[in-house]
Every structure is written in structure tokens, then in C-alpha cells.
Amino acid sequence: AHSMTHQVMAGMSREVAIYEVIESIRNVREITKQKEVAFAYPFGGIDSYTMETINIVRESGAMCGCTSIPEMNNSRTPIFELRRIPAETFVL
């Protein structure tokens, strides 16, 4: 899931953020028939989501939250702030 309108979540009211997360996850579940859904924060940079956003995603029942912060994940990486490795890193 990736929100309903792809806006920076850090600037949203709690009510709008809840709608963006919950409806997006609901739509993905309905389309895919899968219960387990990950959530990718729109834009995904450290300034595009907040601890409140993370809590909304956690409370929504998402299995994890994905950022676009370019780092490796390890056992200490918070499950609702997973990092990503850019694909171009692996281009030979």
C-alpha cells in the first residue's frame, strides 16, 4: 500500500493520515485478496513521515513500513522504518 493520494504524510492532520493509510491498505487487500500488506511511505525520506505516521501504519495492521532511506536493514532496524537499497547499486 502507498496511500490514496501520494502526499507527504508529515504535513497531514492525523485524520487525513488515517484515511490515507487505512483506505490504501484496505484497497490492496481487496484487490490482492491478501491479509498481509506492507506500507511504503510516499516519497519515503526521513522528512516525509513522522512518529505519528509510523504509529498509524502500525495500528492499521500493516506488516511493516518501508522508507526510501538508502541503507541496509539489520536486526535493529525498526520494522516500520525499513530501508531500501537503490537498484542502480547493483547495475554492472
N, C-alpha and C. Protein backbone atom coordinates (compact mmCIF):
# COMPACT_ATOMS: atom_id res chain seq x y z
N ALA A 1 0.85 -1.18 0.00
CA ALA A 1 0.00 0.00 0.00
C ALA A 1 0.89 1.24 0.00
N HIS A 2 0.38 2.33 -0.54
CA HIS A 2 1.24 3.51 -0.73
C HIS A 2 0.46 4.81 -0.54
N SER A 3 -0.64 4.79 0.16
CA SER A 3 -1.53 5.93 0.42
C SER A 3 -2.54 6.07 -0.72
N MET A 4 -3.51 6.92 -0.50
CA MET A 4 -4.55 7.12 -1.51
C MET A 4 -4.18 8.20 -2.51
N THR A 5 -3.45 9.24 -2.07
CA THR A 5 -3.21 10.38 -2.95
C THR A 5 -1.73 10.75 -3.08
N HIS A 6 -0.83 9.94 -2.54
CA HIS A 6 0.62 10.13 -2.65
C HIS A 6 1.06 11.53 -2.26
N GLN A 7 0.72 11.91 -1.04
CA GLN A 7 1.17 13.19 -0.49
C GLN A 7 2.19 12.94 0.61
N VAL A 8 2.98 13.96 0.93
CA VAL A 8 3.90 13.87 2.06
C VAL A 8 3.07 13.73 3.33
N MET A 9 3.28 12.68 4.06
CA MET A 9 2.44 12.39 5.22
C MET A 9 2.80 13.23 6.44
N ALA A 10 4.02 13.74 6.50
CA ALA A 10 4.46 14.51 7.66
C ALA A 10 3.62 15.77 7.86
N GLY A 11 3.05 16.33 6.82
CA GLY A 11 2.28 17.56 6.93
C GLY A 11 0.79 17.36 7.07
N MET A 12 0.35 16.13 7.16
CA MET A 12 -1.09 15.86 7.21
C MET A 12 -1.64 15.90 8.62
N SER A 13 -2.93 16.19 8.71
CA SER A 13 -3.60 16.04 10.00
C SER A 13 -3.70 14.54 10.29
N ARG A 14 -3.87 14.20 11.55
CA ARG A 14 -4.00 12.79 11.93
C ARG A 14 -5.17 12.13 11.21
N GLU A 15 -6.27 12.84 11.09
CA GLU A 15 -7.47 12.29 10.46
C GLU A 15 -7.21 11.95 8.99
N VAL A 16 -6.55 12.86 8.28
CA VAL A 16 -6.24 12.62 6.86
C VAL A 16 -5.25 11.48 6.73
N ALA A 17 -4.24 11.44 7.58
CA ALA A 17 -3.25 10.36 7.52
C ALA A 17 -3.89 9.00 7.78
N ILE A 18 -4.80 8.93 8.73
CA ILE A 18 -5.51 7.67 9.00
C ILE A 18 -6.27 7.23 7.75
N TYR A 19 -6.99 8.14 7.13
CA TYR A 19 -7.72 7.81 5.90
C TYR A 19 -6.75 7.30 4.83
N GLU A 20 -5.66 8.04 4.59
CA GLU A 20 -4.70 7.67 3.54
C GLU A 20 -4.15 6.26 3.76
N VAL A 21 -3.81 5.94 4.98
CA VAL A 21 -3.21 4.63 5.29
C VAL A 21 -4.26 3.53 5.26
N ILE A 22 -5.32 3.69 6.00
CA ILE A 22 -6.31 2.61 6.15
C ILE A 22 -7.00 2.29 4.83
N GLU A 23 -7.42 3.30 4.10
CA GLU A 23 -8.11 3.04 2.82
C GLU A 23 -7.16 2.42 1.80
N SER A 24 -5.93 2.86 1.79
CA SER A 24 -4.95 2.29 0.87
C SER A 24 -4.72 0.81 1.16
N ILE A 25 -4.53 0.48 2.43
CA ILE A 25 -4.33 -0.92 2.82
C ILE A 25 -5.58 -1.73 2.50
N ARG A 26 -6.74 -1.18 2.80
CA ARG A 26 -8.00 -1.89 2.51
C ARG A 26 -8.11 -2.19 1.02
N ASN A 27 -7.79 -1.22 0.18
CA ASN A 27 -7.85 -1.41 -1.27
C ASN A 27 -6.89 -2.50 -1.74
N VAL A 28 -5.68 -2.49 -1.23
CA VAL A 28 -4.70 -3.51 -1.64
C VAL A 28 -5.18 -4.89 -1.20
N ARG A 29 -5.69 -4.99 0.01
CA ARG A 29 -6.21 -6.29 0.49
C ARG A 29 -7.36 -6.78 -0.39
N GLU A 30 -8.25 -5.87 -0.74
CA GLU A 30 -9.39 -6.24 -1.57
C GLU A 30 -8.95 -6.71 -2.95
N ILE A 31 -8.03 -5.99 -3.56
CA ILE A 31 -7.56 -6.34 -4.90
C ILE A 31 -6.76 -7.63 -4.92
N THR A 32 -5.86 -7.78 -3.93
CA THR A 32 -4.94 -8.93 -3.94
C THR A 32 -5.47 -10.14 -3.19
N LYS A 33 -6.50 -9.94 -2.38
CA LYS A 33 -7.04 -11.00 -1.53
C LYS A 33 -6.01 -11.48 -0.51
N GLN A 34 -5.05 -10.61 -0.18
CA GLN A 34 -4.00 -10.93 0.79
C GLN A 34 -4.25 -10.15 2.08
N LYS A 35 -4.07 -10.81 3.22
CA LYS A 35 -4.23 -10.14 4.51
C LYS A 35 -2.98 -9.33 4.85
N GLU A 36 -1.81 -9.90 4.57
CA GLU A 36 -0.55 -9.23 4.91
C GLU A 36 -0.20 -8.20 3.85
N VAL A 37 -0.12 -6.94 4.26
CA VAL A 37 0.18 -5.84 3.34
C VAL A 37 1.26 -4.96 3.96
N ALA A 38 2.26 -4.62 3.18
CA ALA A 38 3.28 -3.67 3.60
C ALA A 38 2.82 -2.27 3.21
N PHE A 39 3.37 -1.27 3.89
CA PHE A 39 3.05 0.12 3.55
C PHE A 39 4.34 0.85 3.22
N ALA A 40 4.37 1.52 2.06
CA ALA A 40 5.52 2.33 1.65
C ALA A 40 5.14 3.79 1.81
N TYR A 41 5.88 4.52 2.65
CA TYR A 41 5.60 5.94 2.86
C TYR A 41 5.85 6.71 1.57
N PRO A 42 4.88 7.52 1.11
CA PRO A 42 5.10 8.32 -0.09
C PRO A 42 6.37 9.17 0.04
N PHE A 43 7.19 9.14 -0.95
CA PHE A 43 8.49 9.82 -1.02
C PHE A 43 9.51 9.13 -0.11
N GLY A 44 9.13 8.73 1.08
CA GLY A 44 9.92 7.85 1.93
C GLY A 44 11.14 8.42 2.61
N GLY A 45 11.43 9.69 2.39
CA GLY A 45 12.58 10.29 3.08
C GLY A 45 12.27 10.55 4.54
N ILE A 46 13.30 10.78 5.32
CA ILE A 46 13.15 10.96 6.76
C ILE A 46 12.22 12.13 7.10
N ASP A 47 12.09 13.09 6.21
CA ASP A 47 11.22 14.25 6.47
C ASP A 47 9.83 14.09 5.88
N SER A 48 9.51 12.92 5.33
CA SER A 48 8.21 12.73 4.70
C SER A 48 7.22 11.95 5.57
N TYR A 49 7.65 11.50 6.74
CA TYR A 49 6.77 10.81 7.68
C TYR A 49 7.22 11.17 9.10
N THR A 50 6.37 10.89 10.07
CA THR A 50 6.65 11.22 11.47
C THR A 50 6.41 9.99 12.34
N MET A 51 6.73 10.10 13.63
CA MET A 51 6.41 9.01 14.56
C MET A 51 4.91 8.77 14.60
N GLU A 52 4.13 9.82 14.47
CA GLU A 52 2.67 9.64 14.44
C GLU A 52 2.26 8.84 13.20
N THR A 53 2.90 9.13 12.06
CA THR A 53 2.62 8.36 10.84
C THR A 53 2.96 6.89 11.07
N ILE A 54 4.11 6.64 11.65
CA ILE A 54 4.54 5.26 11.93
C ILE A 54 3.51 4.57 12.82
N ASN A 55 3.03 5.26 13.84
CA ASN A 55 2.03 4.66 14.74
C ASN A 55 0.73 4.36 14.00
N ILE A 56 0.32 5.23 13.10
CA ILE A 56 -0.89 4.99 12.31
C ILE A 56 -0.71 3.74 11.45
N VAL A 57 0.43 3.62 10.80
CA VAL A 57 0.70 2.45 9.96
C VAL A 57 0.71 1.19 10.82
N ARG A 58 1.37 1.24 11.98
CA ARG A 58 1.41 0.09 12.89
C ARG A 58 -0.01 -0.30 13.31
N GLU A 59 -0.79 0.69 13.73
CA GLU A 59 -2.15 0.42 14.22
C GLU A 59 -3.09 -0.03 13.11
N SER A 60 -2.75 0.25 11.86
CA SER A 60 -3.61 -0.13 10.73
C SER A 60 -3.58 -1.63 10.45
N GLY A 61 -2.59 -2.31 11.00
CA GLY A 61 -2.45 -3.73 10.73
C GLY A 61 -1.48 -4.06 9.61
N ALA A 62 -0.79 -3.04 9.09
CA ALA A 62 0.24 -3.31 8.08
C ALA A 62 1.32 -4.17 8.69
N MET A 63 1.97 -4.98 7.88
CA MET A 63 3.01 -5.87 8.41
C MET A 63 4.34 -5.15 8.60
N CYS A 64 4.56 -4.03 7.88
CA CYS A 64 5.79 -3.26 8.01
C CYS A 64 5.60 -1.92 7.30
N GLY A 65 6.56 -1.03 7.49
CA GLY A 65 6.58 0.25 6.80
C GLY A 65 7.91 0.43 6.10
N CYS A 66 7.88 0.85 4.85
CA CYS A 66 9.09 0.98 4.05
C CYS A 66 9.38 2.45 3.74
N THR A 67 10.64 2.83 3.96
CA THR A 67 11.10 4.17 3.63
C THR A 67 11.86 4.10 2.31
N SER A 68 12.43 5.21 1.89
CA SER A 68 13.34 5.19 0.73
C SER A 68 14.75 5.58 1.18
N ILE A 69 15.00 5.47 2.47
CA ILE A 69 16.32 5.77 3.01
C ILE A 69 17.29 4.69 2.54
N PRO A 70 18.37 5.08 1.85
CA PRO A 70 19.28 4.10 1.25
C PRO A 70 20.28 3.51 2.25
N GLU A 71 19.87 2.47 2.92
CA GLU A 71 20.72 1.76 3.89
C GLU A 71 20.35 0.29 3.90
N MET A 72 21.24 -0.51 4.48
CA MET A 72 20.93 -1.92 4.70
C MET A 72 20.06 -2.03 5.94
N ASN A 73 19.21 -3.04 5.99
CA ASN A 73 18.44 -3.37 7.18
C ASN A 73 19.22 -4.40 7.98
N ASN A 74 19.03 -4.38 9.30
CA ASN A 74 19.60 -5.40 10.15
C ASN A 74 18.61 -5.69 11.27
N SER A 75 19.00 -6.49 12.23
CA SER A 75 18.07 -6.90 13.28
C SER A 75 17.63 -5.72 14.17
N ARG A 76 18.32 -4.60 14.12
CA ARG A 76 17.94 -3.43 14.90
C ARG A 76 17.11 -2.42 14.11
N THR A 77 16.93 -2.64 12.83
CA THR A 77 16.13 -1.72 12.02
C THR A 77 14.66 -1.85 12.42
N PRO A 78 14.02 -0.75 12.78
CA PRO A 78 12.60 -0.83 13.14
C PRO A 78 11.76 -1.36 11.97
N ILE A 79 10.88 -2.28 12.25
CA ILE A 79 10.06 -2.93 11.21
C ILE A 79 9.16 -1.93 10.48
N PHE A 80 8.88 -0.78 11.09
CA PHE A 80 8.06 0.23 10.43
C PHE A 80 8.89 1.38 9.87
N GLU A 81 10.22 1.14 9.76
CA GLU A 81 11.11 2.09 9.10
C GLU A 81 12.18 1.34 8.30
N LEU A 82 11.73 0.35 7.55
CA LEU A 82 12.68 -0.43 6.76
C LEU A 82 13.34 0.45 5.70
N ARG A 83 14.61 0.19 5.46
CA ARG A 83 15.39 0.94 4.48
C ARG A 83 15.36 0.22 3.14
N ARG A 84 15.90 0.87 2.12
CA ARG A 84 15.96 0.26 0.78
C ARG A 84 17.34 0.46 0.19
N ILE A 85 17.71 -0.45 -0.65
CA ILE A 85 18.96 -0.33 -1.40
C ILE A 85 18.56 0.02 -2.83
N PRO A 86 19.02 1.15 -3.37
CA PRO A 86 18.66 1.52 -4.75
C PRO A 86 19.10 0.44 -5.75
N ALA A 87 18.24 0.12 -6.68
CA ALA A 87 18.54 -0.92 -7.67
C ALA A 87 19.80 -0.59 -8.47
N GLU A 88 20.05 0.70 -8.73
CA GLU A 88 21.22 1.05 -9.53
C GLU A 88 22.52 0.68 -8.82
N THR A 89 22.47 0.39 -7.53
CA THR A 89 23.64 -0.07 -6.79
C THR A 89 24.17 -1.38 -7.40
N PHE A 90 23.27 -2.16 -7.97
CA PHE A 90 23.63 -3.49 -8.46
C PHE A 90 23.85 -3.57 -9.96
N VAL A 91 23.78 -2.45 -10.64
CA VAL A 91 23.98 -2.43 -12.08
C VAL A 91 25.47 -2.59 -12.35
N LEU A 92 25.80 -3.53 -13.20
CA LEU A 92 27.21 -3.78 -13.53
C LEU A 92 27.66 -3.02 -14.72
